[in-house]
Amino acid sequence: MPPTNEKTKEDVRKFVEMVAEKQGWHLHPDKEFLDMLIEGLMTNFNRFGYFGCPCRLLEGDREKDKDLLCPCDYCKPDQEEFGHCYCGLYLTEEFFKTGKMPDGIPERRPIERW
């Protein structure tokens, strides 16, 4: 069911900034790529009513997608292993300090959940 109050890119930017600050994370350093991720989160919220991961296909059913609510269930394990989440939205402090850009990492979500 679509939300009754749509989110703007600024609303979503505030959301991801709040999450990052609370967790001690950094956001993707490439502003253009970050903007694309924010737009994906906005689209998912305005389509489904929740902030579903912008880099994965959602079912459109909050219960089926609950492991993909941003930050998704795979975010912290991905950060522990690679320094950033699957889509590169959230970076650990340590990874951020390296100056590297997030790169592709293996999908951690079980294939039966795709």
PDB file of N, CA and C in Angstrom:
ATOM      1  N   MET A   1       0.845  -1.178   0.000  1.00  0.00           N
ATOM      2  CA  MET A   1       0.000   0.000   0.000  1.00  0.00           C
ATOM      3  C   MET A   1       0.892   1.245   0.000  1.00  0.00           C
ATOM      4  N   PRO A   2       0.696   2.147  -0.939  1.00  0.00           N
ATOM      5  CA  PRO A   2       1.520   3.351  -1.005  1.00  0.00           C
ATOM      6  C   PRO A   2       1.323   4.238   0.224  1.00  0.00           C
ATOM      7  N   PRO A   3       2.360   4.988   0.585  1.00  0.00           N
ATOM      8  CA  PRO A   3       2.266   5.854   1.757  1.00  0.00           C
ATOM      9  C   PRO A   3       1.337   7.028   1.492  1.00  0.00           C
ATOM     10  N   THR A   4       0.817   7.598   2.570  1.00  0.00           N
ATOM     11  CA  THR A   4      -0.044   8.759   2.414  1.00  0.00           C
ATOM     12  C   THR A   4       0.768  10.039   2.361  1.00  0.00           C
ATOM     13  N   ASN A   5       1.985  10.016   2.905  1.00  0.00           N
ATOM     14  CA  ASN A   5       2.819  11.218   2.785  1.00  0.00           C
ATOM     15  C   ASN A   5       4.123  10.845   2.102  1.00  0.00           C
ATOM     16  N   GLU A   6       4.256  11.283   0.873  1.00  0.00           N
ATOM     17  CA  GLU A   6       5.437  10.955   0.087  1.00  0.00           C
ATOM     18  C   GLU A   6       6.670  11.648   0.645  1.00  0.00           C
ATOM     19  N   LYS A   7       7.808  11.020   0.428  1.00  0.00           N
ATOM     20  CA  LYS A   7       9.091  11.563   0.870  1.00  0.00           C
ATOM     21  C   LYS A   7       9.779  12.262  -0.299  1.00  0.00           C
ATOM     22  N   THR A   8      10.494  13.330   0.037  1.00  0.00           N
ATOM     23  CA  THR A   8      11.316  14.029  -0.947  1.00  0.00           C
ATOM     24  C   THR A   8      12.751  13.540  -0.794  1.00  0.00           C
ATOM     25  N   LYS A   9      13.593  13.909  -1.749  1.00  0.00           N
ATOM     26  CA  LYS A   9      15.001  13.539  -1.646  1.00  0.00           C
ATOM     27  C   LYS A   9      15.618  14.142  -0.385  1.00  0.00           C
ATOM     28  N   GLU A  10      15.191  15.341  -0.018  1.00  0.00           N
ATOM     29  CA  GLU A  10      15.717  15.973   1.196  1.00  0.00           C
ATOM     30  C   GLU A  10      15.293  15.182   2.436  1.00  0.00           C
ATOM     31  N   ASP A  11      14.057  14.688   2.477  1.00  0.00           N
ATOM     32  CA  ASP A  11      13.600  13.849   3.594  1.00  0.00           C
ATOM     33  C   ASP A  11      14.486  12.609   3.721  1.00  0.00           C
ATOM     34  N   VAL A  12      14.754  11.978   2.602  1.00  0.00           N
ATOM     35  CA  VAL A  12      15.544  10.747   2.596  1.00  0.00           C
ATOM     36  C   VAL A  12      16.994  11.048   2.970  1.00  0.00           C
ATOM     37  N   ARG A  13      17.522  12.146   2.474  1.00  0.00           N
ATOM     38  CA  ARG A  13      18.886  12.543   2.838  1.00  0.00           C
ATOM     39  C   ARG A  13      18.994  12.710   4.348  1.00  0.00           C
ATOM     40  N   LYS A  14      18.014  13.346   4.950  1.00  0.00           N
ATOM     41  CA  LYS A  14      18.004  13.523   6.411  1.00  0.00           C
ATOM     42  C   LYS A  14      17.953  12.166   7.108  1.00  0.00           C
ATOM     43  N   PHE A  15      17.157  11.248   6.573  1.00  0.00           N
ATOM     44  CA  PHE A  15      17.054   9.909   7.155  1.00  0.00           C
ATOM     45  C   PHE A  15      18.406   9.193   7.127  1.00  0.00           C
ATOM     46  N   VAL A  16      19.064   9.153   5.961  1.00  0.00           N
ATOM     47  CA  VAL A  16      20.331   8.422   5.873  1.00  0.00           C
ATOM     48  C   VAL A  16      21.424   9.113   6.687  1.00  0.00           C
ATOM     49  N   GLU A  17      21.389  10.430   6.734  1.00  0.00           N
ATOM     50  CA  GLU A  17      22.368  11.150   7.561  1.00  0.00           C
ATOM     51  C   GLU A  17      22.161  10.849   9.036  1.00  0.00           C
ATOM     52  N   MET A  18      20.896  10.774   9.467  1.00  0.00           N
ATOM     53  CA  MET A  18      20.584  10.455  10.856  1.00  0.00           C
ATOM     54  C   MET A  18      21.057   9.038  11.201  1.00  0.00           C
ATOM     55  N   VAL A  19      20.793   8.078  10.329  1.00  0.00           N
ATOM     56  CA  VAL A  19      21.221   6.697  10.551  1.00  0.00           C
ATOM     57  C   VAL A  19      22.745   6.648  10.654  1.00  0.00           C
ATOM     58  N   ALA A  20      23.423   7.288   9.703  1.00  0.00           N
ATOM     59  CA  ALA A  20      24.888   7.268   9.682  1.00  0.00           C
ATOM     60  C   ALA A  20      25.456   7.895  10.956  1.00  0.00           C
ATOM     61  N   GLU A  21      24.904   9.017  11.354  1.00  0.00           N
ATOM     62  CA  GLU A  21      25.408   9.686  12.558  1.00  0.00           C
ATOM     63  C   GLU A  21      25.193   8.828  13.802  1.00  0.00           C
ATOM     64  N   LYS A  22      24.010   8.256  13.917  1.00  0.00           N
ATOM     65  CA  LYS A  22      23.693   7.426  15.089  1.00  0.00           C
ATOM     66  C   LYS A  22      24.612   6.208  15.176  1.00  0.00           C
ATOM     67  N   GLN A  23      24.954   5.632  14.039  1.00  0.00           N
ATOM     68  CA  GLN A  23      25.768   4.416  14.003  1.00  0.00           C
ATOM     69  C   GLN A  23      27.273   4.694  13.949  1.00  0.00           C
ATOM     70  N   GLY A  24      27.642   5.949  13.731  1.00  0.00           N
ATOM     71  CA  GLY A  24      29.065   6.266  13.592  1.00  0.00           C
ATOM     72  C   GLY A  24      29.612   5.894  12.224  1.00  0.00           C
ATOM     73  N   TRP A  25      28.746   5.920  11.213  1.00  0.00           N
ATOM     74  CA  TRP A  25      29.110   5.569   9.850  1.00  0.00           C
ATOM     75  C   TRP A  25      29.285   6.820   9.003  1.00  0.00           C
ATOM     76  N   HIS A  26      29.822   6.628   7.816  1.00  0.00           N
ATOM     77  CA  HIS A  26      29.923   7.684   6.811  1.00  0.00           C
ATOM     78  C   HIS A  26      29.077   7.269   5.626  1.00  0.00           C
ATOM     79  N   LEU A  27      28.656   8.263   4.839  1.00  0.00           N
ATOM     80  CA  LEU A  27      27.905   7.987   3.622  1.00  0.00           C
ATOM     81  C   LEU A  27      28.863   7.889   2.435  1.00  0.00           C
ATOM     82  N   HIS A  28      28.393   7.263   1.368  1.00  0.00           N
ATOM     83  CA  HIS A  28      29.204   7.092   0.161  1.00  0.00           C
ATOM     84  C   HIS A  28      29.811   8.442  -0.217  1.00  0.00           C
ATOM     85  N   PRO A  29      31.124   8.482  -0.461  1.00  0.00           N
ATOM     86  CA  PRO A  29      31.789   9.760  -0.722  1.00  0.00           C
ATOM     87  C   PRO A  29      31.515  10.389  -2.091  1.00  0.00           C
ATOM     88  N   ASP A  30      31.055   9.599  -3.050  1.00  0.00           N
ATOM     89  CA  ASP A  30      30.742  10.135  -4.375  1.00  0.00           C
ATOM     90  C   ASP A  30      29.333  10.718  -4.319  1.00  0.00           C
ATOM     91  N   LYS A  31      29.231  12.026  -4.368  1.00  0.00           N
ATOM     92  CA  LYS A  31      27.940  12.707  -4.197  1.00  0.00           C
ATOM     93  C   LYS A  31      26.924  12.301  -5.258  1.00  0.00           C
ATOM     94  N   GLU A  32      27.369  12.080  -6.480  1.00  0.00           N
ATOM     95  CA  GLU A  32      26.451  11.676  -7.545  1.00  0.00           C
ATOM     96  C   GLU A  32      25.896  10.272  -7.278  1.00  0.00           C
ATOM     97  N   PHE A  33      26.774   9.365  -6.855  1.00  0.00           N
ATOM     98  CA  PHE A  33      26.332   8.002  -6.539  1.00  0.00           C
ATOM     99  C   PHE A  33      25.433   8.011  -5.313  1.00  0.00           C
ATOM    100  N   LEU A  34      25.801   8.794  -4.303  1.00  0.00           N
ATOM    101  CA  LEU A  34      24.980   8.922  -3.099  1.00  0.00           C
ATOM    102  C   LEU A  34      23.597   9.433  -3.465  1.00  0.00           C
ATOM    103  N   ASP A  35      23.524  10.405  -4.340  1.00  0.00           N
ATOM    104  CA  ASP A  35      22.246  10.961  -4.767  1.00  0.00           C
ATOM    105  C   ASP A  35      21.393   9.897  -5.446  1.00  0.00           C
ATOM    106  N   MET A  36      22.032   9.012  -6.224  1.00  0.00           N
ATOM    107  CA  MET A  36      21.313   7.926  -6.885  1.00  0.00           C
ATOM    108  C   MET A  36      20.733   6.950  -5.843  1.00  0.00           C
ATOM    109  N   LEU A  37      21.520   6.634  -4.797  1.00  0.00           N
ATOM    110  CA  LEU A  37      21.031   5.749  -3.739  1.00  0.00           C
ATOM    111  C   LEU A  37      19.863   6.391  -2.988  1.00  0.00           C
ATOM    112  N   ILE A  38      19.977   7.676  -2.713  1.00  0.00           N
ATOM    113  CA  ILE A  38      18.907   8.410  -2.026  1.00  0.00           C
ATOM    114  C   ILE A  38      17.645   8.407  -2.883  1.00  0.00           C
ATOM    115  N   GLU A  39      17.810   8.603  -4.171  1.00  0.00           N
ATOM    116  CA  GLU A  39      16.664   8.580  -5.074  1.00  0.00           C
ATOM    117  C   GLU A  39      16.004   7.196  -5.076  1.00  0.00           C
ATOM    118  N   GLY A  40      16.819   6.139  -5.032  1.00  0.00           N
ATOM    119  CA  GLY A  40      16.270   4.784  -4.972  1.00  0.00           C
ATOM    120  C   GLY A  40      15.493   4.541  -3.692  1.00  0.00           C
ATOM    121  N   LEU A  41      16.012   5.012  -2.571  1.00  0.00           N
ATOM    122  CA  LEU A  41      15.289   4.888  -1.299  1.00  0.00           C
ATOM    123  C   LEU A  41      13.984   5.669  -1.348  1.00  0.00           C
ATOM    124  N   MET A  42      14.026   6.869  -1.929  1.00  0.00           N
ATOM    125  CA  MET A  42      12.822   7.691  -2.045  1.00  0.00           C
ATOM    126  C   MET A  42      11.774   6.978  -2.908  1.00  0.00           C
ATOM    127  N   THR A  43      12.216   6.434  -4.031  1.00  0.00           N
ATOM    128  CA  THR A  43      11.296   5.714  -4.920  1.00  0.00           C
ATOM    129  C   THR A  43      10.668   4.534  -4.187  1.00  0.00           C
ATOM    130  N   ASN A  44      11.488   3.770  -3.471  1.00  0.00           N
ATOM    131  CA  ASN A  44      10.956   2.620  -2.740  1.00  0.00           C
ATOM    132  C   ASN A  44       9.968   3.052  -1.669  1.00  0.00           C
ATOM    133  N   PHE A  45      10.287   4.123  -0.943  1.00  0.00           N
ATOM    134  CA  PHE A  45       9.358   4.593   0.087  1.00  0.00           C
ATOM    135  C   PHE A  45       8.049   5.051  -0.552  1.00  0.00           C
ATOM    136  N   ASN A  46       8.149   5.838  -1.597  1.00  0.00           N
ATOM    137  CA  ASN A  46       6.939   6.373  -2.219  1.00  0.00           C
ATOM    138  C   ASN A  46       6.123   5.305  -2.938  1.00  0.00           C
ATOM    139  N   ARG A  47       6.756   4.225  -3.319  1.00  0.00           N
ATOM    140  CA  ARG A  47       6.057   3.121  -3.976  1.00  0.00           C
ATOM    141  C   ARG A  47       5.461   2.144  -2.955  1.00  0.00           C
ATOM    142  N   PHE A  48       6.240   1.817  -1.911  1.00  0.00           N
ATOM    143  CA  PHE A  48       5.850   0.751  -0.994  1.00  0.00           C
ATOM    144  C   PHE A  48       5.534   1.204   0.433  1.00  0.00           C
ATOM    145  N   GLY A  49       5.985   2.414   0.807  1.00  0.00           N
ATOM    146  CA  GLY A  49       5.697   2.912   2.151  1.00  0.00           C
ATOM    147  C   GLY A  49       6.780   2.599   3.167  1.00  0.00           C
ATOM    148  N   TYR A  50       7.934   2.138   2.706  1.00  0.00           N
ATOM    149  CA  TYR A  50       9.049   1.869   3.616  1.00  0.00           C
ATOM    150  C   TYR A  50      10.365   2.045   2.868  1.00  0.00           C
ATOM    151  N   PHE A  51      11.427   2.314   3.649  1.00  0.00           N
ATOM    152  CA  PHE A  51      12.752   2.519   3.078  1.00  0.00           C
ATOM    153  C   PHE A  51      13.398   1.170   2.814  1.00  0.00           C
ATOM    154  N   GLY A  52      13.114   0.609   1.664  1.00  0.00           N
ATOM    155  CA  GLY A  52      13.726  -0.648   1.261  1.00  0.00           C
ATOM    156  C   GLY A  52      15.047  -0.373   0.573  1.00  0.00           C
ATOM    157  N   CYS A  53      15.980  -1.286   0.745  1.00  0.00           N
ATOM    158  CA  CYS A  53      17.318  -1.187   0.168  1.00  0.00           C
ATOM    159  C   CYS A  53      17.230  -0.734  -1.292  1.00  0.00           C
ATOM    160  N   PRO A  54      17.975   0.298  -1.673  1.00  0.00           N
ATOM    161  CA  PRO A  54      17.877   0.813  -3.038  1.00  0.00           C
ATOM    162  C   PRO A  54      18.593  -0.026  -4.094  1.00  0.00           C
ATOM    163  N   CYS A  55      19.346  -1.041  -3.662  1.00  0.00           N
ATOM    164  CA  CYS A  55      20.131  -1.804  -4.638  1.00  0.00           C
ATOM    165  C   CYS A  55      19.613  -3.229  -4.813  1.00  0.00           C
ATOM    166  N   ARG A  56      18.448  -3.495  -4.270  1.00  0.00           N
ATOM    167  CA  ARG A  56      17.876  -4.833  -4.417  1.00  0.00           C
ATOM    168  C   ARG A  56      16.417  -4.718  -4.841  1.00  0.00           C
ATOM    169  N   LEU A  57      15.909  -5.761  -5.493  1.00  0.00           N
ATOM    170  CA  LEU A  57      14.504  -5.776  -5.885  1.00  0.00           C
ATOM    171  C   LEU A  57      13.654  -6.118  -4.670  1.00  0.00           C
ATOM    172  N   LEU A  58      12.628  -5.337  -4.468  1.00  0.00           N
ATOM    173  CA  LEU A  58      11.714  -5.558  -3.346  1.00  0.00           C
ATOM    174  C   LEU A  58      10.453  -6.249  -3.831  1.00  0.00           C
ATOM    175  N   GLU A  59       9.835  -7.002  -2.922  1.00  0.00           N
ATOM    176  CA  GLU A  59       8.563  -7.664  -3.239  1.00  0.00           C
ATOM    177  C   GLU A  59       7.401  -6.674  -3.179  1.00  0.00           C
ATOM    178  N   GLY A  60       7.554  -5.638  -2.371  1.00  0.00           N
ATOM    179  CA  GLY A  60       6.448  -4.702  -2.165  1.00  0.00           C
ATOM    180  C   GLY A  60       5.580  -5.123  -0.999  1.00  0.00           C
ATOM    181  N   ASP A  61       6.036  -6.110  -0.245  1.00  0.00           N
ATOM    182  CA  ASP A  61       5.348  -6.618   0.940  1.00  0.00           C
ATOM    183  C   ASP A  61       6.331  -6.436   2.099  1.00  0.00           C
ATOM    184  N   ARG A  62       5.991  -5.561   3.040  1.00  0.00           N
ATOM    185  CA  ARG A  62       6.912  -5.220   4.120  1.00  0.00           C
ATOM    186  C   ARG A  62       7.404  -6.456   4.868  1.00  0.00           C
ATOM    187  N   GLU A  63       6.546  -7.418   5.087  1.00  0.00           N
ATOM    188  CA  GLU A  63       6.941  -8.629   5.816  1.00  0.00           C
ATOM    189  C   GLU A  63       7.983  -9.422   5.031  1.00  0.00           C
ATOM    190  N   LYS A  64       7.756  -9.580   3.722  1.00  0.00           N
ATOM    191  CA  LYS A  64       8.713 -10.318   2.884  1.00  0.00           C
ATOM    192  C   LYS A  64      10.023  -9.549   2.721  1.00  0.00           C
ATOM    193  N   ASP A  65       9.932  -8.226   2.768  1.00  0.00           N
ATOM    194  CA  ASP A  65      11.107  -7.375   2.564  1.00  0.00           C
ATOM    195  C   ASP A  65      11.768  -6.926   3.860  1.00  0.00           C
ATOM    196  N   LYS A  66      11.303  -7.419   5.002  1.00  0.00           N
ATOM    197  CA  LYS A  66      11.782  -6.870   6.274  1.00  0.00           C
ATOM    198  C   LYS A  66      13.293  -6.959   6.450  1.00  0.00           C
ATOM    199  N   ASP A  67      13.945  -7.943   5.832  1.00  0.00           N
ATOM    200  CA  ASP A  67      15.411  -8.029   5.943  1.00  0.00           C
ATOM    201  C   ASP A  67      16.105  -6.976   5.084  1.00  0.00           C
ATOM    202  N   LEU A  68      15.335  -6.289   4.230  1.00  0.00           N
ATOM    203  CA  LEU A  68      15.905  -5.276   3.351  1.00  0.00           C
ATOM    204  C   LEU A  68      15.549  -3.845   3.758  1.00  0.00           C
ATOM    205  N   LEU A  69      14.948  -3.681   4.935  1.00  0.00           N
ATOM    206  CA  LEU A  69      14.657  -2.329   5.409  1.00  0.00           C
ATOM    207  C   LEU A  69      15.973  -1.642   5.747  1.00  0.00           C
ATOM    208  N   CYS A  70      16.160  -0.466   5.224  1.00  0.00           N
ATOM    209  CA  CYS A  70      17.427   0.257   5.357  1.00  0.00           C
ATOM    210  C   CYS A  70      17.609   0.833   6.768  1.00  0.00           C
ATOM    211  N   PRO A  71      18.768   0.581   7.393  1.00  0.00           N
ATOM    212  CA  PRO A  71      19.860  -0.269   6.930  1.00  0.00           C
ATOM    213  C   PRO A  71      19.464  -1.739   7.059  1.00  0.00           C
ATOM    214  N   CYS A  72      19.721  -2.494   6.020  1.00  0.00           N
ATOM    215  CA  CYS A  72      19.256  -3.880   5.937  1.00  0.00           C
ATOM    216  C   CYS A  72      19.981  -4.790   6.935  1.00  0.00           C
ATOM    217  N   ASP A  73      19.450  -5.991   7.087  1.00  0.00           N
ATOM    218  CA  ASP A  73      20.024  -6.983   8.006  1.00  0.00           C
ATOM    219  C   ASP A  73      21.450  -7.381   7.626  1.00  0.00           C
ATOM    220  N   TYR A  74      21.839  -7.115   6.389  1.00  0.00           N
ATOM    221  CA  TYR A  74      23.147  -7.540   5.902  1.00  0.00           C
ATOM    222  C   TYR A  74      24.192  -6.425   6.015  1.00  0.00           C
ATOM    223  N   CYS A  75      23.755  -5.248   6.396  1.00  0.00           N
ATOM    224  CA  CYS A  75      24.632  -4.082   6.456  1.00  0.00           C
ATOM    225  C   CYS A  75      25.817  -4.297   7.400  1.00  0.00           C
ATOM    226  N   LYS A  76      25.547  -4.641   8.641  1.00  0.00           N
ATOM    227  CA  LYS A  76      26.640  -4.777   9.608  1.00  0.00           C
ATOM    228  C   LYS A  76      27.582  -5.935   9.276  1.00  0.00           C
ATOM    229  N   PRO A  77      27.066  -7.120   8.899  1.00  0.00           N
ATOM    230  CA  PRO A  77      28.014  -8.178   8.502  1.00  0.00           C
ATOM    231  C   PRO A  77      28.867  -7.764   7.296  1.00  0.00           C
ATOM    232  N   ASP A  78      28.260  -7.065   6.323  1.00  0.00           N
ATOM    233  CA  ASP A  78      29.036  -6.596   5.173  1.00  0.00           C
ATOM    234  C   ASP A  78      30.084  -5.583   5.608  1.00  0.00           C
ATOM    235  N   GLN A  79      29.718  -4.695   6.510  1.00  0.00           N
ATOM    236  CA  GLN A  79      30.674  -3.697   7.000  1.00  0.00           C
ATOM    237  C   GLN A  79      31.822  -4.372   7.753  1.00  0.00           C
ATOM    238  N   GLU A  80      31.492  -5.371   8.560  1.00  0.00           N
ATOM    239  CA  GLU A  80      32.533  -6.069   9.316  1.00  0.00           C
ATOM    240  C   GLU A  80      33.546  -6.734   8.382  1.00  0.00           C
ATOM    241  N   GLU A  81      33.047  -7.291   7.270  1.00  0.00           N
ATOM    242  CA  GLU A  81      33.929  -7.996   6.344  1.00  0.00           C
ATOM    243  C   GLU A  81      34.568  -7.086   5.297  1.00  0.00           C
ATOM    244  N   PHE A  82      33.804  -6.112   4.786  1.00  0.00           N
ATOM    245  CA  PHE A  82      34.275  -5.308   3.658  1.00  0.00           C
ATOM    246  C   PHE A  82      34.430  -3.813   3.948  1.00  0.00           C
ATOM    247  N   GLY A  83      33.892  -3.352   5.071  1.00  0.00           N
ATOM    248  CA  GLY A  83      34.003  -1.934   5.431  1.00  0.00           C
ATOM    249  C   GLY A  83      32.846  -1.074   4.962  1.00  0.00           C
ATOM    250  N   HIS A  84      31.931  -1.674   4.199  1.00  0.00           N
ATOM    251  CA  HIS A  84      30.746  -0.940   3.725  1.00  0.00           C
ATOM    252  C   HIS A  84      29.642  -1.934   3.413  1.00  0.00           C
ATOM    253  N   CYS A  85      28.436  -1.405   3.301  1.00  0.00           N
ATOM    254  CA  CYS A  85      27.303  -2.273   2.982  1.00  0.00           C
ATOM    255  C   CYS A  85      27.286  -2.601   1.488  1.00  0.00           C
ATOM    256  N   TYR A  86      26.394  -3.480   1.102  1.00  0.00           N
ATOM    257  CA  TYR A  86      26.309  -3.999  -0.267  1.00  0.00           C
ATOM    258  C   TYR A  86      26.232  -2.890  -1.310  1.00  0.00           C
ATOM    259  N   CYS A  87      25.387  -1.897  -1.070  1.00  0.00           N
ATOM    260  CA  CYS A  87      25.236  -0.832  -2.067  1.00  0.00           C
ATOM    261  C   CYS A  87      26.241   0.300  -1.867  1.00  0.00           C
ATOM    262  N   GLY A  88      26.976   0.260  -0.765  1.00  0.00           N
ATOM    263  CA  GLY A  88      27.977   1.289  -0.520  1.00  0.00           C
ATOM    264  C   GLY A  88      27.425   2.551   0.109  1.00  0.00           C
ATOM    265  N   LEU A  89      26.190   2.513   0.543  1.00  0.00           N
ATOM    266  CA  LEU A  89      25.595   3.695   1.176  1.00  0.00           C
ATOM    267  C   LEU A  89      26.289   4.029   2.490  1.00  0.00           C
ATOM    268  N   TYR A  90      26.489   3.001   3.322  1.00  0.00           N
ATOM    269  CA  TYR A  90      27.061   3.209   4.648  1.00  0.00           C
ATOM    270  C   TYR A  90      28.457   2.610   4.749  1.00  0.00           C
ATOM    271  N   LEU A  91      29.423   3.440   5.149  1.00  0.00           N
ATOM    272  CA  LEU A  91      30.810   3.023   5.297  1.00  0.00           C
ATOM    273  C   LEU A  91      31.217   3.104   6.764  1.00  0.00           C
ATOM    274  N   THR A  92      32.048   2.181   7.183  1.00  0.00           N
ATOM    275  CA  THR A  92      32.583   2.259   8.537  1.00  0.00           C
ATOM    276  C   THR A  92      33.611   3.395   8.592  1.00  0.00           C
ATOM    277  N   GLU A  93      33.882   3.851   9.781  1.00  0.00           N
ATOM    278  CA  GLU A  93      34.895   4.883   9.997  1.00  0.00           C
ATOM    279  C   GLU A  93      36.249   4.428   9.448  1.00  0.00           C
ATOM    280  N   GLU A  94      36.597   3.187   9.748  1.00  0.00           N
ATOM    281  CA  GLU A  94      37.882   2.645   9.320  1.00  0.00           C
ATOM    282  C   GLU A  94      38.017   2.638   7.797  1.00  0.00           C
ATOM    283  N   PHE A  95      36.972   2.169   7.115  1.00  0.00           N
ATOM    284  CA  PHE A  95      37.007   2.131   5.655  1.00  0.00           C
ATOM    285  C   PHE A  95      37.067   3.546   5.101  1.00  0.00           C
ATOM    286  N   PHE A  96      36.270   4.444   5.643  1.00  0.00           N
ATOM    287  CA  PHE A  96      36.240   5.826   5.182  1.00  0.00           C
ATOM    288  C   PHE A  96      37.629   6.458   5.257  1.00  0.00           C
ATOM    289  N   LYS A  97      38.348   6.179   6.335  1.00  0.00           N
ATOM    290  CA  LYS A  97      39.679   6.766   6.534  1.00  0.00           C
ATOM    291  C   LYS A  97      40.692   6.285   5.489  1.00  0.00           C
ATOM    292  N   THR A  98      40.440   5.150   4.848  1.00  0.00           N
ATOM    293  CA  THR A  98      41.373   4.648   3.829  1.00  0.00           C
ATOM    294  C   THR A  98      41.324   5.496   2.558  1.00  0.00           C
ATOM    295  N   GLY A  99      40.213   6.214   2.368  1.00  0.00           N
ATOM    296  CA  GLY A  99      40.046   7.010   1.158  1.00  0.00           C
ATOM    297  C   GLY A  99      39.611   6.201  -0.044  1.00  0.00           C
ATOM    298  N   LYS A 100      39.420   4.894   0.125  1.00  0.00           N
ATOM    299  CA  LYS A 100      38.974   4.028  -0.974  1.00  0.00           C
ATOM    300  C   LYS A 100      37.491   4.255  -1.247  1.00  0.00           C
ATOM    301  N   MET A 101      37.100   3.924  -2.453  1.00  0.00           N
ATOM    302  CA  MET A 101      35.689   3.957  -2.815  1.00  0.00           C
ATOM    303  C   MET A 101      35.117   2.559  -2.591  1.00  0.00           C
ATOM    304  N   PRO A 102      33.864   2.490  -2.132  1.00  0.00           N
ATOM    305  CA  PRO A 102      33.230   1.168  -2.008  1.00  0.00           C
ATOM    306  C   PRO A 102      33.232   0.467  -3.358  1.00  0.00           C
ATOM    307  N   ASP A 103      33.400  -0.833  -3.300  1.00  0.00           N
ATOM    308  CA  ASP A 103      33.456  -1.640  -4.512  1.00  0.00           C
ATOM    309  C   ASP A 103      32.442  -2.764  -4.376  1.00  0.00           C
ATOM    310  N   GLY A 104      32.187  -3.461  -5.452  1.00  0.00           N
ATOM    311  CA  GLY A 104      31.239  -4.561  -5.420  1.00  0.00           C
ATOM    312  C   GLY A 104      31.653  -5.636  -4.425  1.00  0.00           C
ATOM    313  N   ILE A 105      30.684  -6.152  -3.715  1.00  0.00           N
ATOM    314  CA  ILE A 105      30.919  -7.237  -2.766  1.00  0.00           C
ATOM    315  C   ILE A 105      29.897  -8.336  -3.030  1.00  0.00           C
ATOM    316  N   PRO A 106      30.165  -9.557  -2.563  1.00  0.00           N
ATOM    317  CA  PRO A 106      29.218 -10.653  -2.800  1.00  0.00           C
ATOM    318  C   PRO A 106      27.876 -10.414  -2.111  1.00  0.00           C
ATOM    319  N   GLU A 107      26.830 -10.910  -2.735  1.00  0.00           N
ATOM    320  CA  GLU A 107      25.490 -10.832  -2.153  1.00  0.00           C
ATOM    321  C   GLU A 107      25.419 -11.771  -0.963  1.00  0.00           C
ATOM    322  N   ARG A 108      25.036 -11.241   0.164  1.00  0.00           N
ATOM    323  CA  ARG A 108      24.942 -12.011   1.400  1.00  0.00           C
ATOM    324  C   ARG A 108      23.518 -12.548   1.624  1.00  0.00           C
ATOM    325  N   ARG A 109      22.556 -11.932   0.997  1.00  0.00           N
ATOM    326  CA  ARG A 109      21.169 -12.364   1.177  1.00  0.00           C
ATOM    327  C   ARG A 109      21.004 -13.761   0.584  1.00  0.00           C
ATOM    328  N   PRO A 110      20.410 -14.678   1.350  1.00  0.00           N
ATOM    329  CA  PRO A 110      20.215 -16.036   0.834  1.00  0.00           C
ATOM    330  C   PRO A 110      19.425 -16.034  -0.478  1.00  0.00           C
ATOM    331  N   ILE A 111      19.838 -16.855  -1.409  1.00  0.00           N
ATOM    332  CA  ILE A 111      19.233 -16.863  -2.748  1.00  0.00           C
ATOM    333  C   ILE A 111      17.729 -17.129  -2.688  1.00  0.00           C
ATOM    334  N   GLU A 112      17.272 -17.905  -1.725  1.00  0.00           N
ATOM    335  CA  GLU A 112      15.837 -18.178  -1.632  1.00  0.00           C
ATOM    336  C   GLU A 112      15.027 -16.948  -1.253  1.00  0.00           C
ATOM    337  N   ARG A 113      15.688 -15.883  -0.813  1.00  0.00           N
ATOM    338  CA  ARG A 113      15.007 -14.640  -0.466  1.00  0.00           C
ATOM    339  C   ARG A 113      14.965 -13.665  -1.651  1.00  0.00           C
ATOM    340  N   TRP A 114      15.680 -13.999  -2.774  1.00  0.00           N
ATOM    341  CA  TRP A 114      15.716 -13.094  -3.929  1.00  0.00           C
ATOM    342  C   TRP A 114      14.385 -13.027  -4.599  1.00  0.00           C
TER     343      TRP A 114
END
